[in-house]
Amino acid sequence: MKLATRMCDECLFSPGRIVGAERMKEIVRETERKDTHFICHKSAVGGFDGEDLHGDPVICRGFYDAFPGRGQLVRIMGRLGAIEEVEVG
């Protein structure tokens, strides 16, 4: 499982987010309801710096820091030491 090393300038949890506050709240509620995590939007559109990640989804750093331990898969992979930090654009 991949995790962004830092928040991007358009992160859902940054002042420069590209969605409104209401949409942000909806996204957070949905991740809680589904017990899942939020994917970095730049990884979803291919905005990577450096290595080719072969389309693997990347956990949003802002989300991960704001909601540590949210998402069953994140918790499992964290316990296994299987979360790799990667750079995103």
N, C-alpha and C. Protein backbone atom coordinates (compact mmCIF):
# COMPACT_ATOMS: atom_id res chain seq x y z
N MET A 1 0.85 -1.16 0.00
CA MET A 1 0.00 0.00 0.00
C MET A 1 0.90 1.23 0.00
N LYS A 2 0.50 2.22 -0.78
CA LYS A 2 1.31 3.43 -0.92
C LYS A 2 0.64 4.62 -0.22
N LEU A 3 1.49 5.48 0.36
CA LEU A 3 1.06 6.67 1.08
C LEU A 3 1.88 7.85 0.59
N ALA A 4 1.21 8.95 0.27
CA ALA A 4 1.91 10.16 -0.15
C ALA A 4 2.81 10.65 0.98
N THR A 5 4.03 11.06 0.65
CA THR A 5 4.97 11.53 1.68
C THR A 5 4.55 12.86 2.28
N ARG A 6 3.78 13.64 1.51
CA ARG A 6 3.36 14.96 1.99
C ARG A 6 2.04 15.34 1.33
N MET A 7 1.39 16.34 1.93
CA MET A 7 0.18 16.87 1.32
C MET A 7 0.56 17.69 0.10
N CYS A 8 -0.24 17.61 -0.94
CA CYS A 8 -0.01 18.46 -2.10
C CYS A 8 -0.66 19.82 -1.86
N ASP A 9 -0.40 20.75 -2.74
CA ASP A 9 -0.94 22.10 -2.58
C ASP A 9 -2.45 22.19 -2.82
N GLU A 10 -3.05 21.15 -3.38
CA GLU A 10 -4.50 21.11 -3.62
C GLU A 10 -5.20 20.07 -2.74
N CYS A 11 -4.51 19.58 -1.74
CA CYS A 11 -5.03 18.51 -0.88
C CYS A 11 -6.37 18.89 -0.27
N LEU A 12 -7.21 17.91 -0.11
CA LEU A 12 -8.51 18.09 0.52
C LEU A 12 -8.38 18.73 1.90
N PHE A 13 -7.23 18.57 2.53
CA PHE A 13 -7.02 19.07 3.90
C PHE A 13 -6.10 20.29 3.95
N SER A 14 -5.88 20.92 2.81
CA SER A 14 -5.04 22.11 2.76
C SER A 14 -5.91 23.34 2.45
N PRO A 15 -5.39 24.52 2.74
CA PRO A 15 -6.15 25.74 2.41
C PRO A 15 -6.41 25.89 0.90
N GLY A 16 -5.59 25.26 0.07
CA GLY A 16 -5.75 25.36 -1.37
C GLY A 16 -6.59 24.26 -1.99
N ARG A 17 -7.37 23.56 -1.17
CA ARG A 17 -8.15 22.42 -1.68
C ARG A 17 -9.00 22.84 -2.88
N ILE A 18 -9.25 21.89 -3.76
CA ILE A 18 -9.97 22.17 -5.00
C ILE A 18 -11.46 21.89 -4.90
N VAL A 19 -11.93 21.50 -3.74
CA VAL A 19 -13.37 21.30 -3.52
C VAL A 19 -13.81 22.17 -2.34
N GLY A 20 -15.09 22.42 -2.28
CA GLY A 20 -15.64 23.23 -1.20
C GLY A 20 -15.70 22.47 0.12
N ALA A 21 -15.96 23.21 1.18
CA ALA A 21 -16.01 22.63 2.53
C ALA A 21 -17.10 21.58 2.66
N GLU A 22 -18.25 21.79 2.03
CA GLU A 22 -19.34 20.81 2.12
C GLU A 22 -18.94 19.50 1.47
N ARG A 23 -18.32 19.58 0.30
CA ARG A 23 -17.88 18.35 -0.39
C ARG A 23 -16.82 17.63 0.43
N MET A 24 -15.94 18.38 1.05
CA MET A 24 -14.93 17.78 1.90
C MET A 24 -15.59 16.99 3.03
N LYS A 25 -16.60 17.58 3.66
CA LYS A 25 -17.31 16.90 4.75
C LYS A 25 -17.99 15.63 4.25
N GLU A 26 -18.57 15.68 3.05
CA GLU A 26 -19.20 14.49 2.47
C GLU A 26 -18.18 13.38 2.27
N ILE A 27 -17.02 13.73 1.76
CA ILE A 27 -15.97 12.74 1.52
C ILE A 27 -15.54 12.10 2.83
N VAL A 28 -15.34 12.91 3.85
CA VAL A 28 -14.92 12.39 5.15
C VAL A 28 -16.00 11.48 5.74
N ARG A 29 -17.25 11.89 5.63
CA ARG A 29 -18.35 11.05 6.14
C ARG A 29 -18.40 9.72 5.40
N GLU A 30 -18.22 9.76 4.10
CA GLU A 30 -18.27 8.54 3.30
C GLU A 30 -17.14 7.58 3.68
N THR A 31 -15.94 8.10 3.90
CA THR A 31 -14.85 7.21 4.31
C THR A 31 -15.13 6.59 5.67
N GLU A 32 -15.76 7.36 6.55
CA GLU A 32 -16.10 6.82 7.87
C GLU A 32 -17.17 5.73 7.73
N ARG A 33 -18.19 6.01 6.92
CA ARG A 33 -19.29 5.05 6.73
C ARG A 33 -18.79 3.74 6.13
N LYS A 34 -17.86 3.84 5.18
CA LYS A 34 -17.35 2.65 4.50
C LYS A 34 -16.11 2.06 5.16
N ASP A 35 -15.62 2.71 6.24
CA ASP A 35 -14.39 2.30 6.93
C ASP A 35 -13.26 2.11 5.93
N THR A 36 -13.01 3.18 5.19
CA THR A 36 -11.98 3.15 4.16
C THR A 36 -11.14 4.41 4.24
N HIS A 37 -10.27 4.61 3.27
CA HIS A 37 -9.38 5.77 3.23
C HIS A 37 -9.65 6.59 1.97
N PHE A 38 -9.01 7.74 1.87
CA PHE A 38 -9.18 8.64 0.73
C PHE A 38 -7.92 8.56 -0.13
N ILE A 39 -8.13 8.44 -1.43
CA ILE A 39 -7.03 8.34 -2.40
C ILE A 39 -6.59 9.75 -2.80
N CYS A 40 -5.30 9.96 -2.86
CA CYS A 40 -4.74 11.23 -3.33
C CYS A 40 -5.23 11.49 -4.75
N HIS A 41 -5.84 12.65 -4.96
CA HIS A 41 -6.38 12.94 -6.29
C HIS A 41 -5.29 13.05 -7.35
N LYS A 42 -4.11 13.50 -6.95
CA LYS A 42 -3.03 13.60 -7.94
C LYS A 42 -2.55 12.21 -8.37
N SER A 43 -2.62 11.25 -7.49
CA SER A 43 -2.25 9.89 -7.89
C SER A 43 -3.31 9.31 -8.82
N ALA A 44 -4.56 9.72 -8.62
CA ALA A 44 -5.64 9.21 -9.45
C ALA A 44 -5.59 9.75 -10.87
N VAL A 45 -4.98 10.93 -11.05
CA VAL A 45 -4.89 11.53 -12.38
C VAL A 45 -3.48 11.44 -12.96
N GLY A 46 -2.60 10.74 -12.30
CA GLY A 46 -1.26 10.50 -12.83
C GLY A 46 -0.27 11.63 -12.60
N GLY A 47 -0.44 12.42 -11.55
CA GLY A 47 0.47 13.52 -11.30
C GLY A 47 1.66 13.14 -10.46
N PHE A 48 2.35 12.06 -10.79
CA PHE A 48 3.48 11.60 -10.00
C PHE A 48 4.77 12.30 -10.36
N ASP A 49 5.60 12.51 -9.37
CA ASP A 49 6.98 12.96 -9.58
C ASP A 49 7.86 11.72 -9.47
N GLY A 50 8.75 11.55 -10.41
CA GLY A 50 9.72 10.46 -10.27
C GLY A 50 9.20 9.13 -10.72
N GLU A 51 9.24 8.16 -9.81
CA GLU A 51 9.02 6.78 -10.19
C GLU A 51 7.63 6.50 -10.75
N ASP A 52 7.56 5.52 -11.61
CA ASP A 52 6.31 5.06 -12.18
C ASP A 52 5.66 4.11 -11.19
N LEU A 53 4.47 4.45 -10.74
CA LEU A 53 3.81 3.62 -9.72
C LEU A 53 2.83 2.63 -10.33
N HIS A 54 2.80 2.53 -11.65
CA HIS A 54 1.98 1.55 -12.35
C HIS A 54 0.51 1.64 -11.96
N GLY A 55 0.01 2.83 -11.72
CA GLY A 55 -1.40 3.01 -11.44
C GLY A 55 -1.85 2.62 -10.05
N ASP A 56 -0.94 2.29 -9.16
CA ASP A 56 -1.34 1.93 -7.80
C ASP A 56 -1.93 3.15 -7.10
N PRO A 57 -3.06 2.98 -6.42
CA PRO A 57 -3.63 4.11 -5.68
C PRO A 57 -2.73 4.50 -4.51
N VAL A 58 -2.73 5.79 -4.20
CA VAL A 58 -1.90 6.32 -3.12
C VAL A 58 -2.81 6.98 -2.10
N ILE A 59 -2.62 6.65 -0.83
CA ILE A 59 -3.41 7.25 0.24
C ILE A 59 -3.04 8.72 0.36
N CYS A 60 -4.03 9.56 0.47
CA CYS A 60 -3.83 11.00 0.65
C CYS A 60 -3.15 11.25 2.00
N ARG A 61 -2.06 12.01 1.98
CA ARG A 61 -1.30 12.28 3.20
C ARG A 61 -2.12 13.12 4.19
N GLY A 62 -2.82 14.12 3.68
CA GLY A 62 -3.63 14.96 4.55
C GLY A 62 -4.70 14.14 5.26
N PHE A 63 -5.33 13.23 4.55
CA PHE A 63 -6.34 12.36 5.14
C PHE A 63 -5.71 11.45 6.19
N TYR A 64 -4.60 10.84 5.84
CA TYR A 64 -3.92 9.91 6.73
C TYR A 64 -3.53 10.59 8.04
N ASP A 65 -3.04 11.83 7.95
CA ASP A 65 -2.63 12.56 9.15
C ASP A 65 -3.84 13.03 9.96
N ALA A 66 -4.92 13.41 9.27
CA ALA A 66 -6.12 13.90 9.96
C ALA A 66 -6.91 12.78 10.62
N PHE A 67 -6.89 11.60 10.01
CA PHE A 67 -7.68 10.47 10.50
C PHE A 67 -6.80 9.22 10.62
N PRO A 68 -5.84 9.25 11.53
CA PRO A 68 -4.95 8.09 11.66
C PRO A 68 -5.75 6.83 12.02
N GLY A 69 -5.47 5.78 11.32
CA GLY A 69 -6.14 4.51 11.61
C GLY A 69 -7.50 4.35 10.97
N ARG A 70 -7.95 5.33 10.17
CA ARG A 70 -9.24 5.16 9.51
C ARG A 70 -9.05 4.27 8.30
N GLY A 71 -9.90 3.30 8.19
CA GLY A 71 -9.88 2.38 7.07
C GLY A 71 -9.27 1.04 7.47
N GLN A 72 -10.08 0.02 7.33
CA GLN A 72 -9.64 -1.31 7.74
C GLN A 72 -8.36 -1.73 7.02
N LEU A 73 -8.28 -1.50 5.72
CA LEU A 73 -7.09 -1.91 4.97
C LEU A 73 -5.86 -1.16 5.45
N VAL A 74 -6.00 0.13 5.74
CA VAL A 74 -4.87 0.93 6.25
C VAL A 74 -4.39 0.36 7.58
N ARG A 75 -5.32 0.02 8.46
CA ARG A 75 -4.94 -0.53 9.77
C ARG A 75 -4.19 -1.86 9.61
N ILE A 76 -4.70 -2.72 8.75
CA ILE A 76 -4.06 -4.02 8.54
C ILE A 76 -2.67 -3.84 7.95
N MET A 77 -2.58 -3.04 6.89
CA MET A 77 -1.28 -2.84 6.24
C MET A 77 -0.29 -2.15 7.17
N GLY A 78 -0.77 -1.25 8.01
CA GLY A 78 0.09 -0.59 8.98
C GLY A 78 0.67 -1.58 9.98
N ARG A 79 -0.19 -2.47 10.47
CA ARG A 79 0.29 -3.49 11.42
C ARG A 79 1.32 -4.42 10.78
N LEU A 80 1.17 -4.64 9.48
CA LEU A 80 2.10 -5.52 8.76
C LEU A 80 3.37 -4.78 8.32
N GLY A 81 3.41 -3.48 8.54
CA GLY A 81 4.55 -2.69 8.08
C GLY A 81 4.61 -2.61 6.57
N ALA A 82 3.45 -2.65 5.93
CA ALA A 82 3.39 -2.72 4.47
C ALA A 82 2.88 -1.43 3.83
N ILE A 83 3.16 -0.30 4.45
CA ILE A 83 2.81 0.99 3.87
C ILE A 83 4.10 1.65 3.41
N GLU A 84 4.16 1.95 2.14
CA GLU A 84 5.35 2.55 1.53
C GLU A 84 5.04 4.01 1.19
N GLU A 85 5.88 4.93 1.65
CA GLU A 85 5.70 6.34 1.33
C GLU A 85 6.30 6.64 -0.04
N VAL A 86 5.53 7.39 -0.86
CA VAL A 86 5.96 7.75 -2.21
C VAL A 86 5.67 9.23 -2.47
N GLU A 87 6.43 9.80 -3.37
CA GLU A 87 6.23 11.20 -3.77
C GLU A 87 5.10 11.29 -4.80
N VAL A 88 4.26 12.28 -4.66
CA VAL A 88 3.25 12.57 -5.68
C VAL A 88 3.45 14.00 -6.14
N GLY A 89 2.94 14.30 -7.33
CA GLY A 89 3.12 15.62 -7.92
C GLY A 89 2.32 16.70 -7.28
